[in-house]
């Protein structure tokens, strides 16, 4: 069983991982297009979390995480509890191109554009303002952004928008 990590699953998978390989998912891009009302915000003051948003010609770099043998059933149950808490994500199995040349089918959590929490198209400056102030059950929204940007950079998977957001949120947080 493979899972595609493009946000917090990269640095906090929450399940036993047998193998981690950099990977590419075509037709989707990483985007702060989901309002977070549980983990990184509240219903009164939503934060933003990353989701895979479909776009023609898009591509998302992340990691393919192979679940440790024997842990598949438990992992699926825990991922569903974590990722499907508000039904804004849809669970899909999509083809990944691994950097080592393999092709695998992986569990991916993509945004439901018809869900009330979908907020695609927000300007980066607006995203930064929301992320700088929001906090939820799993802590400050800024920590989620900074952890994701740092781990992507560490793995050699740059994301210029996330890097810009990380710098901007640091600046806003110092005011």
C-alpha atoms as a PDB file:
ATOM      1  CA  UNK A   1       0.000   0.000   0.000  1.00  0.00           C
ATOM      2  CA  UNK A   2       1.367   3.387  -1.051  1.00  0.00           C
ATOM      3  CA  UNK A   3       0.301   6.818   0.227  1.00  0.00           C
ATOM      4  CA  UNK A   4       1.216  10.142  -1.436  1.00  0.00           C
ATOM      5  CA  UNK A   5       2.539  12.758   0.955  1.00  0.00           C
ATOM      6  CA  UNK A   6       2.447  16.359  -0.253  1.00  0.00           C
ATOM      7  CA  UNK A   7       1.863  18.234   3.039  1.00  0.00           C
ATOM      8  CA  UNK A   8       1.990  17.099   6.650  1.00  0.00           C
ATOM      9  CA  UNK A   9       2.173  13.429   5.664  1.00  0.00           C
ATOM     10  CA  UNK A  10       5.744  14.181   4.537  1.00  0.00           C
ATOM     11  CA  UNK A  11       6.908  15.093   8.037  1.00  0.00           C
ATOM     12  CA  UNK A  12       4.248  13.428  10.174  1.00  0.00           C
ATOM     13  CA  UNK A  13       2.876  10.342   8.435  1.00  0.00           C
ATOM     14  CA  UNK A  14       1.487   8.825  11.627  1.00  0.00           C
ATOM     15  CA  UNK A  15       1.898   5.265  10.359  1.00  0.00           C
ATOM     16  CA  UNK A  16       4.791   2.802   9.984  1.00  0.00           C
ATOM     17  CA  UNK A  17       6.633   3.521   6.729  1.00  0.00           C
ATOM     18  CA  UNK A  18       8.652   0.781   5.025  1.00  0.00           C
ATOM     19  CA  UNK A  19       9.959   2.948   2.178  1.00  0.00           C
ATOM     20  CA  UNK A  20       9.997   6.621   1.200  1.00  0.00           C
ATOM     21  CA  UNK A  21      10.649   7.679  -2.401  1.00  0.00           C
ATOM     22  CA  UNK A  22      10.346  11.125  -3.996  1.00  0.00           C
ATOM     23  CA  UNK A  23       7.460  11.070  -6.452  1.00  0.00           C
ATOM     24  CA  UNK A  24       5.448  13.069  -8.975  1.00  0.00           C
ATOM     25  CA  UNK A  25       1.674  13.238  -9.367  1.00  0.00           C
ATOM     26  CA  UNK A  26       0.525  14.623 -12.713  1.00  0.00           C
ATOM     27  CA  UNK A  27      -2.673  16.622 -13.199  1.00  0.00           C
ATOM     28  CA  UNK A  28      -2.769  17.982  -9.632  1.00  0.00           C
ATOM     29  CA  UNK A  29      -1.018  20.773  -7.727  1.00  0.00           C
ATOM     30  CA  UNK A  30      -0.363  21.411  -4.026  1.00  0.00           C
ATOM     31  CA  UNK A  31      -2.451  24.372  -2.871  1.00  0.00           C
ATOM     32  CA  UNK A  32      -3.613  26.068   0.310  1.00  0.00           C
ATOM     33  CA  UNK A  33      -7.166  25.723  -0.986  1.00  0.00           C
ATOM     34  CA  UNK A  34      -8.888  24.176   2.023  1.00  0.00           C
ATOM     35  CA  UNK A  35     -10.131  26.089   5.053  1.00  0.00           C
ATOM     36  CA  UNK A  36      -9.124  24.246   8.211  1.00  0.00           C
ATOM     37  CA  UNK A  37     -11.736  24.295  10.954  1.00  0.00           C
ATOM     38  CA  UNK A  38     -10.278  21.474  13.052  1.00  0.00           C
ATOM     39  CA  UNK A  39      -6.516  20.923  12.892  1.00  0.00           C
ATOM     40  CA  UNK A  40      -5.076  24.370  11.999  1.00  0.00           C
ATOM     41  CA  UNK A  41      -8.012  26.697  12.602  1.00  0.00           C
ATOM     42  CA  UNK A  42     -11.495  26.840  14.083  1.00  0.00           C
ATOM     43  CA  UNK A  43     -14.986  27.305  12.679  1.00  0.00           C
ATOM     44  CA  UNK A  44     -14.868  30.918  13.930  1.00  0.00           C
ATOM     45  CA  UNK A  45     -11.358  31.606  12.572  1.00  0.00           C
ATOM     46  CA  UNK A  46     -10.456  29.058   9.883  1.00  0.00           C
ATOM     47  CA  UNK A  47      -6.858  28.406   8.927  1.00  0.00           C
ATOM     48  CA  UNK A  48      -5.637  26.962   5.640  1.00  0.00           C
ATOM     49  CA  UNK A  49      -4.242  23.536   4.867  1.00  0.00           C
ATOM     50  CA  UNK A  50      -2.834  22.035   1.732  1.00  0.00           C
ATOM     51  CA  UNK A  51      -4.844  19.924  -0.653  1.00  0.00           C
ATOM     52  CA  UNK A  52      -4.332  18.481  -4.089  1.00  0.00           C
ATOM     53  CA  UNK A  53      -6.327  20.597  -6.541  1.00  0.00           C
ATOM     54  CA  UNK A  54      -6.861  19.290 -10.068  1.00  0.00           C
ATOM     55  CA  UNK A  55      -5.491  21.443 -12.897  1.00  0.00           C
ATOM     56  CA  UNK A  56      -4.680  20.619 -16.526  1.00  0.00           C
ATOM     57  CA  UNK A  57      -0.921  20.389 -17.036  1.00  0.00           C
ATOM     58  CA  UNK A  58      -0.209  20.650 -13.297  1.00  0.00           C
ATOM     59  CA  UNK A  59       2.260  18.490 -11.400  1.00  0.00           C
ATOM     60  CA  UNK A  60       2.915  17.987  -7.700  1.00  0.00           C
ATOM     61  CA  UNK A  61       6.215  16.762  -6.256  1.00  0.00           C
ATOM     62  CA  UNK A  62       6.033  14.942  -2.956  1.00  0.00           C
ATOM     63  CA  UNK A  63       6.833  11.565  -1.460  1.00  0.00           C
ATOM     64  CA  UNK A  64       5.458   8.094  -1.952  1.00  0.00           C
ATOM     65  CA  UNK A  65       5.234   6.357   1.399  1.00  0.00           C
ATOM     66  CA  UNK A  66       4.985   2.561   1.350  1.00  0.00           C
ATOM     67  CA  UNK A  67       3.092   1.343   4.380  1.00  0.00           C
ATOM     68  CA  UNK A  68       4.899  -1.302   6.414  1.00  0.00           C
ATOM     69  CA  UNK A  69       3.614  -4.786   5.598  1.00  0.00           C
ATOM     70  CA  UNK A  70       0.875  -5.831   7.995  1.00  0.00           C
ATOM     71  CA  UNK A  71      -0.043  -2.259   8.933  1.00  0.00           C
ATOM     72  CA  UNK A  72      -2.297  -1.550   5.937  1.00  0.00           C
ATOM     73  CA  UNK A  73      -5.708  -1.974   7.619  1.00  0.00           C
ATOM     74  CA  UNK A  74      -4.752   0.076  10.686  1.00  0.00           C
ATOM     75  CA  UNK A  75      -3.101   2.752   8.523  1.00  0.00           C
ATOM     76  CA  UNK A  76      -6.153   3.134   6.305  1.00  0.00           C
ATOM     77  CA  UNK A  77      -8.437   3.504   9.329  1.00  0.00           C
ATOM     78  CA  UNK A  78      -6.143   6.101  10.928  1.00  0.00           C
ATOM     79  CA  UNK A  79      -5.717   8.054   7.678  1.00  0.00           C
ATOM     80  CA  UNK A  80      -9.478   8.173   7.187  1.00  0.00           C
ATOM     81  CA  UNK A  81      -9.968   9.448  10.728  1.00  0.00           C
ATOM     82  CA  UNK A  82      -7.277  12.104  10.246  1.00  0.00           C
ATOM     83  CA  UNK A  83      -7.906  13.217   6.670  1.00  0.00           C
ATOM     84  CA  UNK A  84     -11.660  12.791   6.298  1.00  0.00           C
ATOM     85  CA  UNK A  85     -12.621  14.594   9.524  1.00  0.00           C
ATOM     86  CA  UNK A  86     -14.787  17.130   7.658  1.00  0.00           C
ATOM     87  CA  UNK A  87     -15.272  15.390   4.288  1.00  0.00           C
ATOM     88  CA  UNK A  88     -13.489  18.207   2.409  1.00  0.00           C
ATOM     89  CA  UNK A  89     -10.955  15.701   1.115  1.00  0.00           C
ATOM     90  CA  UNK A  90     -11.857  12.899  -1.256  1.00  0.00           C
ATOM     91  CA  UNK A  91      -9.924   9.653  -1.049  1.00  0.00           C
ATOM     92  CA  UNK A  92      -8.571   8.594  -4.448  1.00  0.00           C
ATOM     93  CA  UNK A  93      -6.100   6.038  -5.773  1.00  0.00           C
ATOM     94  CA  UNK A  94      -3.943   7.764  -8.384  1.00  0.00           C
ATOM     95  CA  UNK A  95      -0.840   6.847 -10.415  1.00  0.00           C
ATOM     96  CA  UNK A  96       2.499   8.160  -9.131  1.00  0.00           C
ATOM     97  CA  UNK A  97       5.805   8.297 -10.962  1.00  0.00           C
ATOM     98  CA  UNK A  98       8.553   7.493  -8.467  1.00  0.00           C
ATOM     99  CA  UNK A  99      11.944   9.131  -8.927  1.00  0.00           C
ATOM    100  CA  UNK A 100      13.565   5.683  -9.116  1.00  0.00           C
ATOM    101  CA  UNK A 101      11.565   4.896 -12.270  1.00  0.00           C
ATOM    102  CA  UNK A 102       8.785   2.797 -10.752  1.00  0.00           C
ATOM    103  CA  UNK A 103       5.108   3.542 -11.318  1.00  0.00           C
ATOM    104  CA  UNK A 104       2.740   2.841  -8.407  1.00  0.00           C
ATOM    105  CA  UNK A 105      -0.878   3.412  -7.476  1.00  0.00           C
ATOM    106  CA  UNK A 106      -1.113   5.468  -4.288  1.00  0.00           C
ATOM    107  CA  UNK A 107      -3.779   6.625  -1.900  1.00  0.00           C
ATOM    108  CA  UNK A 108      -4.177  10.400  -2.303  1.00  0.00           C
ATOM    109  CA  UNK A 109      -6.348  12.936  -0.510  1.00  0.00           C
ATOM    110  CA  UNK A 110      -7.679  15.520  -2.970  1.00  0.00           C
ATOM    111  CA  UNK A 111      -9.945  18.510  -2.423  1.00  0.00           C
ATOM    112  CA  UNK A 112     -13.670  18.329  -3.067  1.00  0.00           C
ATOM    113  CA  UNK A 113     -14.254  21.564  -4.968  1.00  0.00           C
ATOM    114  CA  UNK A 114     -17.954  21.412  -4.103  1.00  0.00           C
ATOM    115  CA  UNK A 115     -17.254  21.386  -0.353  1.00  0.00           C
ATOM    116  CA  UNK A 116     -17.877  24.547   1.682  1.00  0.00           C
ATOM    117  CA  UNK A 117     -14.225  24.484   2.893  1.00  0.00           C
ATOM    118  CA  UNK A 118     -12.822  24.788  -0.637  1.00  0.00           C
ATOM    119  CA  UNK A 119     -11.244  28.218  -1.211  1.00  0.00           C
ATOM    120  CA  UNK A 120      -9.093  27.857  -4.325  1.00  0.00           C
ATOM    121  CA  UNK A 121      -7.731  30.970  -5.975  1.00  0.00           C
ATOM    122  CA  UNK A 122      -6.842  32.990  -2.868  1.00  0.00           C
ATOM    123  CA  UNK A 123      -3.961  35.391  -3.492  1.00  0.00           C
ATOM    124  CA  UNK A 124      -0.697  34.437  -1.754  1.00  0.00           C
ATOM    125  CA  UNK A 125      -0.833  37.589   0.394  1.00  0.00           C
ATOM    126  CA  UNK A 126      -4.328  36.639   1.608  1.00  0.00           C
ATOM    127  CA  UNK A 127      -3.116  33.096   2.338  1.00  0.00           C
ATOM    128  CA  UNK A 128      -0.207  34.481   4.368  1.00  0.00           C
ATOM    129  CA  UNK A 129      -2.495  36.719   6.450  1.00  0.00           C
ATOM    130  CA  UNK A 130      -4.766  33.776   7.301  1.00  0.00           C
ATOM    131  CA  UNK A 131      -1.919  31.366   8.073  1.00  0.00           C
ATOM    132  CA  UNK A 132      -0.093  33.914  10.269  1.00  0.00           C
ATOM    133  CA  UNK A 133      -3.028  34.257  12.677  1.00  0.00           C
ATOM    134  CA  UNK A 134      -4.797  30.870  12.650  1.00  0.00           C
ATOM    135  CA  UNK A 135      -4.444  28.024  15.137  1.00  0.00           C
ATOM    136  CA  UNK A 136      -6.405  24.837  15.752  1.00  0.00           C
ATOM    137  CA  UNK A 137      -6.362  21.514  17.541  1.00  0.00           C
ATOM    138  CA  UNK A 138      -2.934  20.558  16.156  1.00  0.00           C
ATOM    139  CA  UNK A 139      -1.357  23.954  16.769  1.00  0.00           C
ATOM    140  CA  UNK A 140      -0.527  27.137  14.875  1.00  0.00           C
ATOM    141  CA  UNK A 141      -1.211  27.189  11.151  1.00  0.00           C
ATOM    142  CA  UNK A 142       2.228  28.773  10.632  1.00  0.00           C
ATOM    143  CA  UNK A 143       3.954  25.689  12.091  1.00  0.00           C
ATOM    144  CA  UNK A 144       2.182  23.494   9.513  1.00  0.00           C
ATOM    145  CA  UNK A 145       3.422  25.734   6.689  1.00  0.00           C
ATOM    146  CA  UNK A 146       6.975  26.035   8.032  1.00  0.00           C
ATOM    147  CA  UNK A 147       7.334  22.286   8.635  1.00  0.00           C
ATOM    148  CA  UNK A 148       6.069  21.447   5.165  1.00  0.00           C
ATOM    149  CA  UNK A 149       8.261  24.024   3.388  1.00  0.00           C
ATOM    150  CA  UNK A 150      11.345  22.995   5.383  1.00  0.00           C
ATOM    151  CA  UNK A 151      10.901  19.279   4.697  1.00  0.00           C
ATOM    152  CA  UNK A 152      10.275  19.832   0.988  1.00  0.00           C
ATOM    153  CA  UNK A 153      13.457  21.913   0.765  1.00  0.00           C
ATOM    154  CA  UNK A 154      15.406  19.324   2.777  1.00  0.00           C
ATOM    155  CA  UNK A 155      14.305  16.621   0.338  1.00  0.00           C
ATOM    156  CA  UNK A 156      15.268  18.717  -2.687  1.00  0.00           C
ATOM    157  CA  UNK A 157      11.632  19.234  -3.710  1.00  0.00           C
ATOM    158  CA  UNK A 158      11.353  23.022  -3.948  1.00  0.00           C
ATOM    159  CA  UNK A 159       7.971  24.751  -3.966  1.00  0.00           C
ATOM    160  CA  UNK A 160       8.455  28.478  -4.668  1.00  0.00           C
ATOM    161  CA  UNK A 161       4.946  29.430  -3.494  1.00  0.00           C
ATOM    162  CA  UNK A 162       5.413  27.651  -0.165  1.00  0.00           C
ATOM    163  CA  UNK A 163       8.845  29.216   0.277  1.00  0.00           C
ATOM    164  CA  UNK A 164       7.380  32.680  -0.376  1.00  0.00           C
ATOM    165  CA  UNK A 165       4.518  32.009   2.034  1.00  0.00           C
ATOM    166  CA  UNK A 166       6.907  30.754   4.735  1.00  0.00           C
ATOM    167  CA  UNK A 167       9.001  33.931   4.493  1.00  0.00           C
ATOM    168  CA  UNK A 168       5.939  36.190   4.402  1.00  0.00           C
ATOM    169  CA  UNK A 169       4.294  34.500   7.398  1.00  0.00           C
ATOM    170  CA  UNK A 170       7.568  34.868   9.351  1.00  0.00           C
ATOM    171  CA  UNK A 171       7.544  38.587   8.554  1.00  0.00           C
ATOM    172  CA  UNK A 172       3.894  38.960   9.545  1.00  0.00           C
ATOM    173  CA  UNK A 173       4.471  36.995  12.767  1.00  0.00           C
ATOM    174  CA  UNK A 174       7.250  39.381  13.853  1.00  0.00           C
ATOM    175  CA  UNK A 175       4.973  42.438  13.830  1.00  0.00           C
END
